[in-house]
Amino acid sequence: MLLFSTQVMVYQFTKRSLDLLGAAFLLFCLSPVLLAAAIAIKIDSKGPIFVEASSRVGKDGKVFRMFKFRTMIRNAHEEMKSNPKFKKFLRDWKKGSFKVENDPRITEVGRFLRRFSVDEFPQLLNVIKGEMSLVGPRALYPEELAMQKKMHSDLVPLLEKVVKVKPGASGVWQVSGRSTIPFRGRVKIDAEYASNPSLTTDLIVLAKTVPAILLGKGAQ
């Protein structure tokens, strides 16, 4: 028992050190890209640089603000719920587990940023703050988590495992197919990672993340 506790502590310390060093290094290297993206967003459409509705469920169910470049029209989340022209889209969005192809709210610049996951880069700030890790399960919206528990009662035990660890800027399913993997498959993969974390898995995921981003495979 003591040996297991020690192994967990060593893993957590090493993982946090990797997160801090890796996120700081990436932010420094990507700073020109981040600046260019911010300028492009402001030129392309009205609204803030970062997403307005960005609450996500973190470790142990604690809600935090995720930093993410805005790739949609201003107040996209509220528009989707209140604007009649998005009524059908809202229905499809819920059926598609909060992901739908050809989202009409996405801007031209946003489409490019999403293809190469540039909109996700600001999450490195969340990693430094300790709210996220470089590798971990996908961070769920609070309403998404509640709705999915109702829609998929058999997945509740797995979803509870997922929110026991920090969400990741990247993860196993993201480098295995990204948006092409259905919700049930994503949950099972994330729950397996949460149940059996390892530095080996983390390093493999990080190694696969770069080509996945460059190829833009499975992104939306």
Protein backbone atom coordinates (compact mmCIF):
# COMPACT_ATOMS: atom_id res chain seq x y z
CA MET A 1 0.00 0.00 0.00
CA LEU A 2 2.82 2.37 0.92
CA LEU A 3 4.67 1.48 -2.29
CA PHE A 4 1.53 2.20 -4.33
CA SER A 5 1.07 5.57 -2.61
CA THR A 6 4.68 6.46 -3.29
CA GLN A 7 4.33 5.53 -6.96
CA VAL A 8 1.23 7.72 -7.25
CA MET A 9 3.02 10.66 -5.65
CA VAL A 10 6.03 10.26 -7.94
CA TYR A 11 3.74 10.08 -10.98
CA GLN A 12 1.77 13.16 -9.95
CA PHE A 13 4.94 15.17 -9.21
CA THR A 14 6.56 14.15 -12.50
CA LYS A 15 3.39 14.82 -14.48
CA ARG A 16 2.97 18.28 -12.94
CA SER A 17 6.62 19.12 -13.63
CA LEU A 18 6.20 17.99 -17.24
CA ASP A 19 3.04 20.08 -17.53
CA LEU A 20 4.71 23.25 -16.24
CA LEU A 21 7.89 22.93 -18.27
CA GLY A 22 6.10 21.76 -21.41
CA ALA A 23 3.38 24.42 -21.32
CA ALA A 24 5.86 27.24 -20.65
CA PHE A 25 8.12 26.08 -23.48
CA LEU A 26 5.22 25.73 -25.93
CA LEU A 27 3.79 29.13 -25.05
CA PHE A 28 7.18 30.71 -25.74
CA CYS A 29 7.60 28.89 -29.07
CA LEU A 30 4.01 29.49 -30.18
CA SER A 31 3.80 33.14 -29.13
CA PRO A 32 4.05 34.44 -32.76
CA VAL A 33 1.24 32.06 -33.80
CA LEU A 34 -0.91 33.10 -30.83
CA LEU A 35 -0.43 36.78 -31.64
CA ALA A 36 -1.23 36.26 -35.33
CA ALA A 37 -4.36 34.27 -34.44
CA ALA A 38 -5.57 36.96 -32.04
CA ILE A 39 -5.14 39.68 -34.68
CA ALA A 40 -6.88 37.59 -37.36
CA ILE A 41 -9.87 36.96 -35.07
CA LYS A 42 -10.32 40.68 -34.36
CA ILE A 43 -10.08 41.57 -38.07
CA ASP A 44 -12.39 38.79 -39.23
CA SER A 45 -15.38 39.35 -36.94
CA LYS A 46 -16.77 41.41 -34.08
CA GLY A 47 -16.37 40.04 -30.58
CA PRO A 48 -13.72 39.06 -28.02
CA ILE A 49 -10.59 37.09 -28.80
CA PHE A 50 -11.43 34.30 -26.39
CA VAL A 51 -14.63 32.23 -26.24
CA GLU A 52 -17.27 33.80 -23.99
CA ALA A 53 -19.08 30.63 -22.82
CA SER A 54 -16.08 28.54 -21.78
CA SER A 55 -17.01 26.91 -18.46
CA ARG A 56 -15.77 23.32 -18.27
CA VAL A 57 -15.77 20.56 -15.66
CA GLY A 58 -12.35 20.00 -14.15
CA LYS A 59 -10.85 17.59 -11.63
CA ASP A 60 -13.32 16.36 -9.01
CA GLY A 61 -16.14 18.21 -10.77
CA LYS A 62 -14.77 21.69 -10.14
CA VAL A 63 -15.86 24.11 -12.87
CA PHE A 64 -13.21 26.38 -14.40
CA ARG A 65 -12.87 28.80 -17.31
CA MET A 66 -11.10 27.26 -20.28
CA PHE A 67 -9.04 29.64 -22.42
CA LYS A 68 -9.83 29.08 -26.07
CA PHE A 69 -9.70 31.32 -29.13
CA ARG A 70 -13.12 32.37 -30.40
CA THR A 71 -13.82 30.63 -33.71
CA MET A 72 -17.53 31.44 -33.94
CA ILE A 73 -19.77 34.48 -34.16
CA ARG A 74 -20.14 36.65 -31.06
CA ASN A 75 -22.22 35.03 -28.29
CA ALA A 76 -22.50 31.86 -30.36
CA HIS A 77 -23.76 29.75 -27.46
CA GLU A 78 -26.57 32.16 -26.59
CA GLU A 79 -27.44 32.70 -30.27
CA MET A 80 -27.79 28.97 -30.75
CA LYS A 81 -30.37 28.79 -27.95
CA SER A 82 -32.33 31.98 -28.68
CA ASN A 83 -32.14 32.58 -32.44
CA PRO A 84 -34.91 30.71 -34.34
CA LYS A 85 -32.64 30.15 -37.35
CA PHE A 86 -30.49 27.84 -35.21
CA LYS A 87 -33.44 25.74 -33.96
CA LYS A 88 -32.68 22.73 -36.16
CA PHE A 89 -28.96 23.08 -35.52
CA LEU A 90 -29.54 23.09 -31.73
CA ARG A 91 -31.49 19.85 -32.02
CA ASP A 92 -28.76 18.23 -34.12
CA TRP A 93 -26.08 19.59 -31.78
CA LYS A 94 -27.64 17.84 -28.79
CA LYS A 95 -28.15 14.61 -30.72
CA GLY A 96 -24.55 14.72 -31.91
CA SER A 97 -23.20 14.87 -28.35
CA PHE A 98 -22.36 18.58 -28.62
CA LYS A 99 -20.45 18.18 -31.88
CA VAL A 100 -21.89 18.76 -35.37
CA GLU A 101 -20.21 18.94 -38.76
CA ASN A 102 -20.47 22.20 -40.72
CA ASP A 103 -21.42 24.34 -37.72
CA PRO A 104 -23.01 27.50 -39.25
CA ARG A 105 -21.71 29.66 -36.40
CA ILE A 106 -18.04 29.15 -37.30
CA THR A 107 -16.25 32.11 -38.92
CA GLU A 108 -13.83 31.86 -41.86
CA VAL A 109 -10.78 32.44 -39.66
CA GLY A 110 -12.29 30.11 -37.07
CA ARG A 111 -12.53 27.29 -39.58
CA PHE A 112 -8.80 27.54 -40.29
CA LEU A 113 -7.89 27.77 -36.60
CA ARG A 114 -9.98 24.70 -35.83
CA ARG A 115 -8.49 22.64 -38.62
CA PHE A 116 -5.04 22.89 -37.08
CA SER A 117 -6.25 23.14 -33.45
CA VAL A 118 -4.78 26.64 -33.06
CA ASP A 119 -7.93 27.61 -31.14
CA GLU A 120 -6.91 25.09 -28.46
CA PHE A 121 -3.41 26.53 -27.87
CA PRO A 122 -4.50 29.02 -25.15
CA GLN A 123 -5.36 26.01 -22.98
CA LEU A 124 -1.65 25.98 -22.16
CA LEU A 125 -2.53 28.83 -19.76
CA ASN A 126 -4.95 26.48 -17.99
CA VAL A 127 -2.17 23.90 -17.76
CA ILE A 128 0.15 26.39 -16.06
CA LYS A 129 -2.65 27.37 -13.67
CA GLY A 130 -3.04 23.72 -12.72
CA GLU A 131 -6.63 23.42 -14.01
CA MET A 132 -5.63 21.15 -16.89
CA SER A 133 -2.82 18.83 -17.88
CA LEU A 134 -1.04 18.47 -21.21
CA VAL A 135 -2.58 14.99 -21.45
CA GLY A 136 -5.91 13.91 -20.02
CA PRO A 137 -9.61 13.34 -20.77
CA ARG A 138 -11.58 15.89 -22.78
CA ALA A 139 -12.97 18.73 -20.64
CA LEU A 140 -16.77 18.54 -20.71
CA TYR A 141 -19.25 21.41 -20.54
CA PRO A 142 -21.24 21.32 -17.25
CA GLU A 143 -24.55 21.07 -19.14
CA GLU A 144 -23.06 18.45 -21.45
CA LEU A 145 -22.03 16.27 -18.50
CA ALA A 146 -25.48 16.54 -16.93
CA MET A 147 -27.26 15.82 -20.21
CA GLN A 148 -25.05 12.88 -21.16
CA LYS A 149 -25.64 11.27 -17.76
CA LYS A 150 -29.38 11.42 -18.48
CA MET A 151 -29.06 10.21 -22.06
CA HIS A 152 -26.51 7.46 -21.35
CA SER A 153 -27.22 6.17 -17.84
CA ASP A 154 -24.97 3.15 -18.46
CA LEU A 155 -22.01 5.51 -18.94
CA VAL A 156 -22.45 7.31 -15.58
CA PRO A 157 -19.76 5.22 -13.79
CA LEU A 158 -17.32 5.94 -16.62
CA LEU A 159 -18.15 9.68 -16.68
CA GLU A 160 -17.55 9.83 -12.92
CA LYS A 161 -14.11 8.28 -13.46
CA VAL A 162 -13.34 10.84 -16.17
CA VAL A 163 -13.98 13.84 -13.91
CA LYS A 164 -11.78 12.43 -11.14
CA VAL A 165 -8.65 13.59 -12.99
CA LYS A 166 -7.56 16.82 -14.67
CA PRO A 167 -8.82 17.25 -18.25
CA GLY A 168 -6.13 17.47 -20.90
CA ALA A 169 -5.17 19.81 -23.71
CA SER A 170 -4.63 16.57 -25.65
CA GLY A 171 -5.63 12.99 -24.98
CA VAL A 172 -5.69 9.42 -26.18
CA TRP A 173 -8.84 9.72 -28.31
CA GLN A 174 -7.80 13.09 -29.74
CA VAL A 175 -4.74 11.49 -31.35
CA SER A 176 -6.70 8.38 -32.34
CA GLY A 177 -9.31 10.02 -34.53
CA ARG A 178 -10.28 13.29 -32.81
CA SER A 179 -13.81 14.41 -33.76
CA THR A 180 -14.47 11.27 -35.83
CA ILE A 181 -14.83 9.12 -32.69
CA PRO A 182 -18.44 9.04 -31.36
CA PHE A 183 -19.25 10.18 -27.82
CA ARG A 184 -19.58 6.71 -26.29
CA GLY A 185 -16.21 5.72 -27.68
CA ARG A 186 -14.58 8.90 -26.36
CA VAL A 187 -15.95 8.32 -22.86
CA LYS A 188 -14.68 4.73 -22.76
CA ILE A 189 -11.22 5.80 -23.90
CA ASP A 190 -11.06 8.67 -21.41
CA ALA A 191 -12.29 6.46 -18.55
CA GLU A 192 -9.63 3.88 -19.36
CA TYR A 193 -6.95 6.58 -19.27
CA ALA A 194 -8.27 7.96 -15.96
CA SER A 195 -8.21 4.48 -14.43
CA ASN A 196 -4.71 3.60 -15.65
CA PRO A 197 -2.62 6.79 -15.98
CA SER A 198 1.06 6.44 -16.86
CA LEU A 199 3.91 8.64 -18.03
CA THR A 200 4.48 6.24 -20.91
CA THR A 201 0.96 6.86 -22.19
CA ASP A 202 1.38 10.61 -21.69
CA LEU A 203 4.61 10.69 -23.68
CA ILE A 204 3.11 8.60 -26.49
CA VAL A 205 0.10 10.94 -26.71
CA LEU A 206 2.34 14.02 -26.76
CA ALA A 207 4.46 12.48 -29.52
CA LYS A 208 1.33 11.81 -31.61
CA THR A 209 -0.25 15.21 -30.95
CA VAL A 210 2.07 17.20 -33.23
CA PRO A 211 1.42 15.17 -36.42
CA ALA A 212 -2.31 15.02 -35.59
CA ILE A 213 -2.41 18.83 -35.45
CA LEU A 214 -0.27 19.36 -38.54
CA LEU A 215 -2.39 16.96 -40.60
CA GLY A 216 -5.61 18.46 -39.25
CA LYS A 217 -7.07 14.96 -39.21
CA GLY A 218 -10.54 14.62 -37.67
CA ALA A 219 -10.73 18.25 -36.55
CA GLN A 220 -13.86 20.39 -36.64
